[in-house]
Amino acid sequence: CITRYFTDLVGLSAIAELWTGQVKDVLPRFVEEFGLHSINFMFFDYKGTIFQDDLATAERLQLLAPQAQVLADNVITPGAPLFMWYATHHAGWDTIAWS
């Protein structure tokens, strides 16, 4: 797995724990392992058509800490229109988009 390779390459394999799987399947484990409001930063860099589903799951599970930040790549091209609409229209999010 490329993630394990780079984790080892930078010398963090002794202290880093890597979880594999889809975000929707891994997020519930965060609640079990770390509790509510345990995520301060989320980075989405995969198929943009499901960003909004994963963000909604994190919100439903109450994983995001107050003032948590979410960074999503590739929201313009190939695009994540549902995520962008949600992020720009939800009162709880301050959204900045770069192109």
C-alpha atoms as a PDB file:
ATOM      1  CA  CYS A   1       0.000   0.000   0.000  1.00  0.00           C
ATOM      2  CA  ILE A   2       1.428   3.364  -0.988  1.00  0.00           C
ATOM      3  CA  THR A   3       0.382   4.981   2.285  1.00  0.00           C
ATOM      4  CA  ARG A   4       2.324   2.428   4.306  1.00  0.00           C
ATOM      5  CA  TYR A   5       5.340   2.956   2.054  1.00  0.00           C
ATOM      6  CA  PHE A   6       5.372   6.736   2.582  1.00  0.00           C
ATOM      7  CA  THR A   7       4.664   6.416   6.297  1.00  0.00           C
ATOM      8  CA  ASP A   8       7.715   4.182   6.577  1.00  0.00           C
ATOM      9  CA  LEU A   9       9.756   6.425   4.285  1.00  0.00           C
ATOM     10  CA  VAL A  10       9.278   9.456   6.553  1.00  0.00           C
ATOM     11  CA  GLY A  11      10.019   7.396   9.658  1.00  0.00           C
ATOM     12  CA  LEU A  12       6.547   7.454  11.210  1.00  0.00           C
ATOM     13  CA  SER A  13       5.605   3.788  10.924  1.00  0.00           C
ATOM     14  CA  ALA A  14       6.459   3.184  14.600  1.00  0.00           C
ATOM     15  CA  ILE A  15       3.960   5.804  15.808  1.00  0.00           C
ATOM     16  CA  ALA A  16       1.337   6.004  13.026  1.00  0.00           C
ATOM     17  CA  GLU A  17      -1.678   3.758  12.771  1.00  0.00           C
ATOM     18  CA  LEU A  18      -3.214   3.370   9.322  1.00  0.00           C
ATOM     19  CA  TRP A  19      -6.811   2.293   8.844  1.00  0.00           C
ATOM     20  CA  THR A  20      -7.885   1.060   5.448  1.00  0.00           C
ATOM     21  CA  GLY A  21     -11.358   1.121   3.985  1.00  0.00           C
ATOM     22  CA  GLN A  22     -13.933   3.574   2.792  1.00  0.00           C
ATOM     23  CA  VAL A  23     -14.521   6.658   4.905  1.00  0.00           C
ATOM     24  CA  LYS A  24     -18.152   5.709   5.560  1.00  0.00           C
ATOM     25  CA  ASP A  25     -16.952   2.451   7.102  1.00  0.00           C
ATOM     26  CA  VAL A  26     -14.010   3.884   9.060  1.00  0.00           C
ATOM     27  CA  LEU A  27     -15.690   6.953  10.612  1.00  0.00           C
ATOM     28  CA  PRO A  28     -17.730   4.977  13.181  1.00  0.00           C
ATOM     29  CA  ARG A  29     -14.448   3.553  14.474  1.00  0.00           C
ATOM     30  CA  PHE A  30     -13.313   7.088  15.337  1.00  0.00           C
ATOM     31  CA  VAL A  31     -16.177   7.372  17.803  1.00  0.00           C
ATOM     32  CA  GLU A  32     -15.183   4.074  19.421  1.00  0.00           C
ATOM     33  CA  GLU A  33     -11.470   4.869  19.527  1.00  0.00           C
ATOM     34  CA  PHE A  34     -11.426   8.610  20.256  1.00  0.00           C
ATOM     35  CA  GLY A  35     -14.929   9.716  21.239  1.00  0.00           C
ATOM     36  CA  LEU A  36     -17.132  12.572  20.117  1.00  0.00           C
ATOM     37  CA  HIS A  37     -15.658  15.750  18.619  1.00  0.00           C
ATOM     38  CA  SER A  38     -12.316  14.032  18.037  1.00  0.00           C
ATOM     39  CA  ILE A  39     -11.587  15.227  14.505  1.00  0.00           C
ATOM     40  CA  ASN A  40     -10.048  18.662  14.077  1.00  0.00           C
ATOM     41  CA  PHE A  41      -9.121  18.275  10.408  1.00  0.00           C
ATOM     42  CA  MET A  42     -10.516  16.174   7.553  1.00  0.00           C
ATOM     43  CA  PHE A  43      -8.983  15.941   4.078  1.00  0.00           C
ATOM     44  CA  PHE A  44     -11.069  14.644   1.173  1.00  0.00           C
ATOM     45  CA  ASP A  45      -9.071  13.618  -1.895  1.00  0.00           C
ATOM     46  CA  TYR A  46     -10.990  10.930  -3.704  1.00  0.00           C
ATOM     47  CA  LYS A  47     -14.201  10.652  -5.714  1.00  0.00           C
ATOM     48  CA  GLY A  48     -15.852  14.035  -5.149  1.00  0.00           C
ATOM     49  CA  THR A  49     -19.367  12.765  -5.711  1.00  0.00           C
ATOM     50  CA  ILE A  50     -19.440  11.334  -2.184  1.00  0.00           C
ATOM     51  CA  PHE A  51     -17.738  14.144  -0.221  1.00  0.00           C
ATOM     52  CA  GLN A  52     -21.089  15.438   1.025  1.00  0.00           C
ATOM     53  CA  ASP A  53     -22.079  11.958   2.230  1.00  0.00           C
ATOM     54  CA  ASP A  54     -18.864  11.552   4.212  1.00  0.00           C
ATOM     55  CA  LEU A  55     -19.135  15.036   5.698  1.00  0.00           C
ATOM     56  CA  ALA A  56     -22.764  14.352   6.652  1.00  0.00           C
ATOM     57  CA  THR A  57     -21.708  11.080   8.315  1.00  0.00           C
ATOM     58  CA  ALA A  58     -19.001  12.860  10.317  1.00  0.00           C
ATOM     59  CA  GLU A  59     -21.540  15.468  11.407  1.00  0.00           C
ATOM     60  CA  ARG A  60     -24.173  12.863  12.277  1.00  0.00           C
ATOM     61  CA  LEU A  61     -21.658  10.935  14.383  1.00  0.00           C
ATOM     62  CA  GLN A  62     -20.617  14.216  16.047  1.00  0.00           C
ATOM     63  CA  LEU A  63     -16.997  13.594  15.153  1.00  0.00           C
ATOM     64  CA  LEU A  64     -16.029  17.119  14.185  1.00  0.00           C
ATOM     65  CA  ALA A  65     -14.584  19.257  16.950  1.00  0.00           C
ATOM     66  CA  PRO A  66     -15.687  22.872  17.297  1.00  0.00           C
ATOM     67  CA  GLN A  67     -13.837  24.938  14.695  1.00  0.00           C
ATOM     68  CA  ALA A  68     -12.849  21.771  12.780  1.00  0.00           C
ATOM     69  CA  GLN A  69     -11.553  22.346   9.281  1.00  0.00           C
ATOM     70  CA  VAL A  70     -12.374  20.320   6.186  1.00  0.00           C
ATOM     71  CA  LEU A  71     -10.249  20.455   3.057  1.00  0.00           C
ATOM     72  CA  ALA A  72     -11.610  18.927  -0.141  1.00  0.00           C
ATOM     73  CA  ASP A  73      -9.562  18.550  -3.307  1.00  0.00           C
ATOM     74  CA  ASN A  74     -10.924  18.346  -6.851  1.00  0.00           C
ATOM     75  CA  VAL A  75     -14.265  19.998  -6.053  1.00  0.00           C
ATOM     76  CA  ILE A  76     -14.225  22.056  -9.271  1.00  0.00           C
ATOM     77  CA  THR A  77     -12.716  19.480 -11.651  1.00  0.00           C
ATOM     78  CA  PRO A  78     -13.889  16.748 -11.909  1.00  0.00           C
ATOM     79  CA  GLY A  79     -16.275  18.306  -9.448  1.00  0.00           C
ATOM     80  CA  ALA A  80     -18.296  17.868  -6.288  1.00  0.00           C
ATOM     81  CA  PRO A  81     -21.356  20.073  -6.843  1.00  0.00           C
ATOM     82  CA  LEU A  82     -23.433  18.666  -3.969  1.00  0.00           C
ATOM     83  CA  PHE A  83     -20.566  19.113  -1.521  1.00  0.00           C
ATOM     84  CA  MET A  84     -19.906  22.659  -2.740  1.00  0.00           C
ATOM     85  CA  TRP A  85     -23.590  23.597  -2.468  1.00  0.00           C
ATOM     86  CA  TYR A  86     -23.770  22.195   1.068  1.00  0.00           C
ATOM     87  CA  ALA A  87     -20.532  23.832   2.189  1.00  0.00           C
ATOM     88  CA  THR A  88     -21.471  27.240   0.797  1.00  0.00           C
ATOM     89  CA  HIS A  89     -25.106  27.244   1.989  1.00  0.00           C
ATOM     90  CA  HIS A  90     -24.801  25.719   5.469  1.00  0.00           C
ATOM     91  CA  ALA A  91     -24.713  28.278   8.268  1.00  0.00           C
ATOM     92  CA  GLY A  92     -22.208  26.183  10.228  1.00  0.00           C
ATOM     93  CA  TRP A  93     -19.472  26.354   7.591  1.00  0.00           C
ATOM     94  CA  ASP A  94     -17.316  29.236   6.424  1.00  0.00           C
ATOM     95  CA  THR A  95     -16.257  28.234   2.935  1.00  0.00           C
ATOM     96  CA  ILE A  96     -13.314  29.376   0.848  1.00  0.00           C
ATOM     97  CA  ALA A  97     -12.892  28.006  -2.680  1.00  0.00           C
ATOM     98  CA  TRP A  98      -9.685  28.252  -4.709  1.00  0.00           C
ATOM     99  CA  SER A  99      -9.430  27.416  -8.359  1.00  0.00           C
END
